[in-house]
């Protein structure tokens, strides 16, 4: 239980949620995005912790924002950008935690034949790790735009407001990011095809 909650009302009986309550409500979603952008569990934890400290320094701005997740994500992107600058040669570590969704029980190597729908979350985890690998090939701005528009479902206009950019800049950034991702996927598909023909 948090002992120093900050309320937005004038007295302790205010029905408004505290900073910690709102932030904790966003924590799982924010952490998943941090893991995708940061590339490792430790980096994601550090980034989210730093976001918490930054927002807690001025909780009234966070609480007054019409969309706290968007405000927190913008701050997260800033933190990730700083860490990417410090670690130009960052190596992806395959220990990204995506929460309980990726750890469902059942399935796996010892599963009976017919248990094809439950692989213990292996397919989901593999897809998410591939997403992390691809996002790490983009600039921080490109990755942020792709996460907001293509993963979180925001429109170009909404993403532009969240990131404080012009709509055209966001649209161009997204197009370049998707082109880069397609380019990164093409050689892999070509290699797989080449291997099949060689057999």
Protein backbone atom coordinates (compact mmCIF):
# COMPACT_ATOMS: atom_id res chain seq x y z
CA UNK A 1 0.00 0.00 0.00
CA UNK A 2 1.33 3.43 -0.94
CA UNK A 3 1.69 5.73 2.04
CA UNK A 4 2.43 8.97 0.19
CA UNK A 5 -0.24 9.12 -2.51
CA UNK A 6 -0.73 12.43 -4.19
CA UNK A 7 -4.32 13.38 -4.82
CA UNK A 8 -5.58 15.90 -7.31
CA UNK A 9 -8.33 17.18 -5.00
CA UNK A 10 -8.10 19.70 -2.20
CA UNK A 11 -8.59 17.24 0.65
CA UNK A 12 -7.81 13.64 1.49
CA UNK A 13 -11.42 12.59 0.76
CA UNK A 14 -11.23 13.59 -2.90
CA UNK A 15 -12.64 10.91 -5.23
CA UNK A 16 -9.90 11.63 -7.79
CA UNK A 17 -7.40 8.78 -8.19
CA UNK A 18 -3.88 9.25 -6.91
CA UNK A 19 -0.79 9.39 -9.12
CA UNK A 20 0.26 5.90 -7.99
CA UNK A 21 -3.18 4.43 -8.71
CA UNK A 22 -3.27 5.81 -12.24
CA UNK A 23 0.34 4.88 -12.99
CA UNK A 24 -0.09 1.35 -11.60
CA UNK A 25 -3.17 0.93 -13.80
CA UNK A 26 -0.98 1.59 -16.84
CA UNK A 27 2.06 -0.33 -15.62
CA UNK A 28 1.49 -3.64 -17.42
CA UNK A 29 0.79 -2.01 -20.79
CA UNK A 30 3.66 0.45 -20.38
CA UNK A 31 6.06 -2.32 -19.41
CA UNK A 32 5.13 -4.41 -22.45
CA UNK A 33 5.90 -1.45 -24.71
CA UNK A 34 9.13 -0.74 -22.85
CA UNK A 35 10.19 -4.37 -23.30
CA UNK A 36 9.55 -4.16 -27.03
CA UNK A 37 11.55 -0.97 -27.38
CA UNK A 38 14.34 -1.60 -24.87
CA UNK A 39 15.07 -5.20 -25.88
CA UNK A 40 15.77 -6.70 -22.45
CA UNK A 41 13.89 -7.20 -19.21
CA UNK A 42 16.38 -5.18 -17.15
CA UNK A 43 16.41 -2.27 -19.62
CA UNK A 44 12.60 -2.24 -19.70
CA UNK A 45 12.39 -2.22 -15.90
CA UNK A 46 14.94 0.60 -15.71
CA UNK A 47 13.10 2.62 -18.34
CA UNK A 48 9.69 2.28 -16.67
CA UNK A 49 11.22 3.13 -13.29
CA UNK A 50 12.78 6.26 -14.77
CA UNK A 51 9.45 7.23 -16.33
CA UNK A 52 7.80 6.81 -12.93
CA UNK A 53 10.36 9.12 -11.31
CA UNK A 54 10.02 11.73 -14.07
CA UNK A 55 6.22 11.77 -13.88
CA UNK A 56 6.12 11.62 -10.08
CA UNK A 57 8.16 14.83 -9.96
CA UNK A 58 5.18 16.66 -11.53
CA UNK A 59 2.15 14.41 -10.89
CA UNK A 60 -0.41 17.14 -11.57
CA UNK A 61 0.56 17.28 -15.28
CA UNK A 62 0.23 13.51 -15.61
CA UNK A 63 -3.12 13.40 -13.80
CA UNK A 64 -4.51 16.38 -15.71
CA UNK A 65 -3.69 14.87 -19.10
CA UNK A 66 -6.79 13.58 -20.94
CA UNK A 67 -4.93 10.38 -21.84
CA UNK A 68 -2.38 9.40 -19.16
CA UNK A 69 -1.10 6.39 -21.14
CA UNK A 70 -0.20 8.64 -24.08
CA UNK A 71 1.58 11.06 -21.74
CA UNK A 72 3.50 8.22 -20.07
CA UNK A 73 4.37 6.62 -23.42
CA UNK A 74 5.78 9.91 -24.68
CA UNK A 75 7.97 10.08 -21.58
CA UNK A 76 8.98 6.43 -22.07
CA UNK A 77 10.06 7.17 -25.63
CA UNK A 78 12.26 10.00 -24.38
CA UNK A 79 13.90 7.69 -21.81
CA UNK A 80 14.44 4.94 -24.41
CA UNK A 81 15.92 7.46 -26.86
CA UNK A 82 18.45 8.53 -24.24
CA UNK A 83 19.41 4.92 -23.47
CA UNK A 84 19.76 4.09 -27.20
CA UNK A 85 22.15 7.01 -27.57
CA UNK A 86 24.26 5.70 -24.70
CA UNK A 87 24.23 2.11 -25.95
CA UNK A 88 24.78 2.34 -29.70
CA UNK A 89 25.94 -1.27 -29.85
CA UNK A 90 23.14 -2.72 -27.72
CA UNK A 91 22.84 -6.52 -27.98
CA UNK A 92 19.35 -7.97 -27.85
CA UNK A 93 18.92 -10.35 -24.93
CA UNK A 94 16.20 -12.95 -25.31
CA UNK A 95 14.83 -12.51 -21.81
CA UNK A 96 12.03 -10.06 -22.52
CA UNK A 97 9.08 -10.60 -20.19
CA UNK A 98 5.69 -9.88 -21.69
CA UNK A 99 3.58 -10.72 -18.66
CA UNK A 100 1.26 -13.58 -17.93
CA UNK A 101 -0.15 -13.80 -21.47
CA UNK A 102 3.03 -15.39 -22.79
CA UNK A 103 3.30 -17.95 -20.00
CA UNK A 104 0.07 -19.91 -20.23
CA UNK A 105 0.44 -23.48 -19.04
CA UNK A 106 0.20 -26.64 -21.11
CA UNK A 107 1.57 -27.54 -24.53
CA UNK A 108 5.32 -27.85 -25.13
CA UNK A 109 7.57 -30.75 -26.04
CA UNK A 110 5.86 -33.24 -23.72
CA UNK A 111 2.34 -32.39 -24.86
CA UNK A 112 0.23 -35.18 -26.37
CA UNK A 113 -0.19 -35.20 -30.17
CA UNK A 114 -3.38 -33.17 -30.75
CA UNK A 115 -2.54 -30.43 -28.21
CA UNK A 116 -1.70 -28.10 -31.09
CA UNK A 117 -3.61 -25.05 -29.81
CA UNK A 118 -1.58 -24.64 -26.61
CA UNK A 119 2.18 -24.48 -26.98
CA UNK A 120 2.70 -22.87 -23.57
CA UNK A 121 2.89 -19.43 -25.17
CA UNK A 122 5.96 -20.34 -27.22
CA UNK A 123 4.56 -19.06 -30.52
CA UNK A 124 3.42 -15.79 -28.94
CA UNK A 125 6.78 -15.31 -27.23
CA UNK A 126 8.63 -16.07 -30.44
CA UNK A 127 6.51 -13.49 -32.31
CA UNK A 128 7.09 -10.88 -29.62
CA UNK A 129 10.84 -11.46 -29.63
CA UNK A 130 10.82 -11.08 -33.40
CA UNK A 131 8.90 -7.81 -32.96
CA UNK A 132 11.58 -6.61 -30.54
CA UNK A 133 14.31 -7.56 -33.02
CA UNK A 134 12.61 -5.65 -35.82
CA UNK A 135 11.85 -2.57 -33.72
CA UNK A 136 15.50 -2.37 -32.70
CA UNK A 137 16.41 -1.79 -36.36
CA UNK A 138 14.41 1.45 -36.38
CA UNK A 139 15.19 4.84 -34.90
CA UNK A 140 13.46 5.57 -31.59
CA UNK A 141 11.03 7.93 -33.31
CA UNK A 142 10.19 5.36 -35.98
CA UNK A 143 9.71 2.62 -33.36
CA UNK A 144 7.50 4.92 -31.28
CA UNK A 145 5.28 5.76 -34.25
CA UNK A 146 4.94 2.08 -35.24
CA UNK A 147 4.07 1.09 -31.66
CA UNK A 148 1.44 3.83 -31.33
CA UNK A 149 -0.19 3.42 -34.75
CA UNK A 150 0.28 -0.24 -35.64
CA UNK A 151 0.28 -1.87 -32.19
CA UNK A 152 -1.74 0.48 -29.96
CA UNK A 153 -4.22 1.47 -32.70
CA UNK A 154 -3.90 5.26 -32.54
CA UNK A 155 -4.55 7.27 -35.69
CA UNK A 156 -1.79 9.31 -37.36
CA UNK A 157 -3.36 12.49 -35.94
CA UNK A 158 -3.52 11.06 -32.41
CA UNK A 159 0.09 9.81 -32.61
CA UNK A 160 1.19 13.26 -33.80
CA UNK A 161 -0.45 14.88 -30.76
CA UNK A 162 1.07 12.33 -28.37
CA UNK A 163 4.57 12.76 -29.77
CA UNK A 164 4.29 16.51 -30.27
CA UNK A 165 5.02 16.21 -34.00
CA UNK A 166 3.35 17.45 -37.18
CA UNK A 167 0.94 14.98 -38.77
CA UNK A 168 3.00 14.86 -41.96
CA UNK A 169 6.17 14.07 -39.99
CA UNK A 170 4.44 11.14 -38.29
CA UNK A 171 3.03 9.82 -41.58
CA UNK A 172 6.45 10.07 -43.27
CA UNK A 173 8.21 8.51 -40.27
CA UNK A 174 5.76 5.60 -40.27
CA UNK A 175 6.14 5.04 -44.02
CA UNK A 176 9.93 5.00 -43.75
CA UNK A 177 9.76 2.67 -40.73
CA UNK A 178 7.47 0.21 -42.52
CA UNK A 179 9.68 0.31 -45.63
CA UNK A 180 12.70 -0.48 -43.45
CA UNK A 181 10.86 -3.35 -41.76
CA UNK A 182 9.78 -4.79 -45.11
CA UNK A 183 13.38 -4.56 -46.28
CA UNK A 184 14.55 -6.39 -43.16
CA UNK A 185 11.99 -9.17 -43.70
CA UNK A 186 12.71 -9.67 -47.43
CA UNK A 187 16.26 -11.07 -47.09
CA UNK A 188 15.10 -13.53 -44.41
CA UNK A 189 12.29 -14.76 -46.68
CA UNK A 190 14.77 -14.97 -49.59
CA UNK A 191 17.24 -17.01 -47.52
CA UNK A 192 14.50 -19.41 -46.44
CA UNK A 193 13.37 -19.79 -50.05
CA UNK A 194 16.97 -20.32 -51.20
CA UNK A 195 17.50 -23.02 -48.64
CA UNK A 196 14.40 -24.85 -49.80
CA UNK A 197 15.54 -24.79 -53.45
CA UNK A 198 19.01 -25.98 -52.51
CA UNK A 199 17.70 -29.21 -50.96
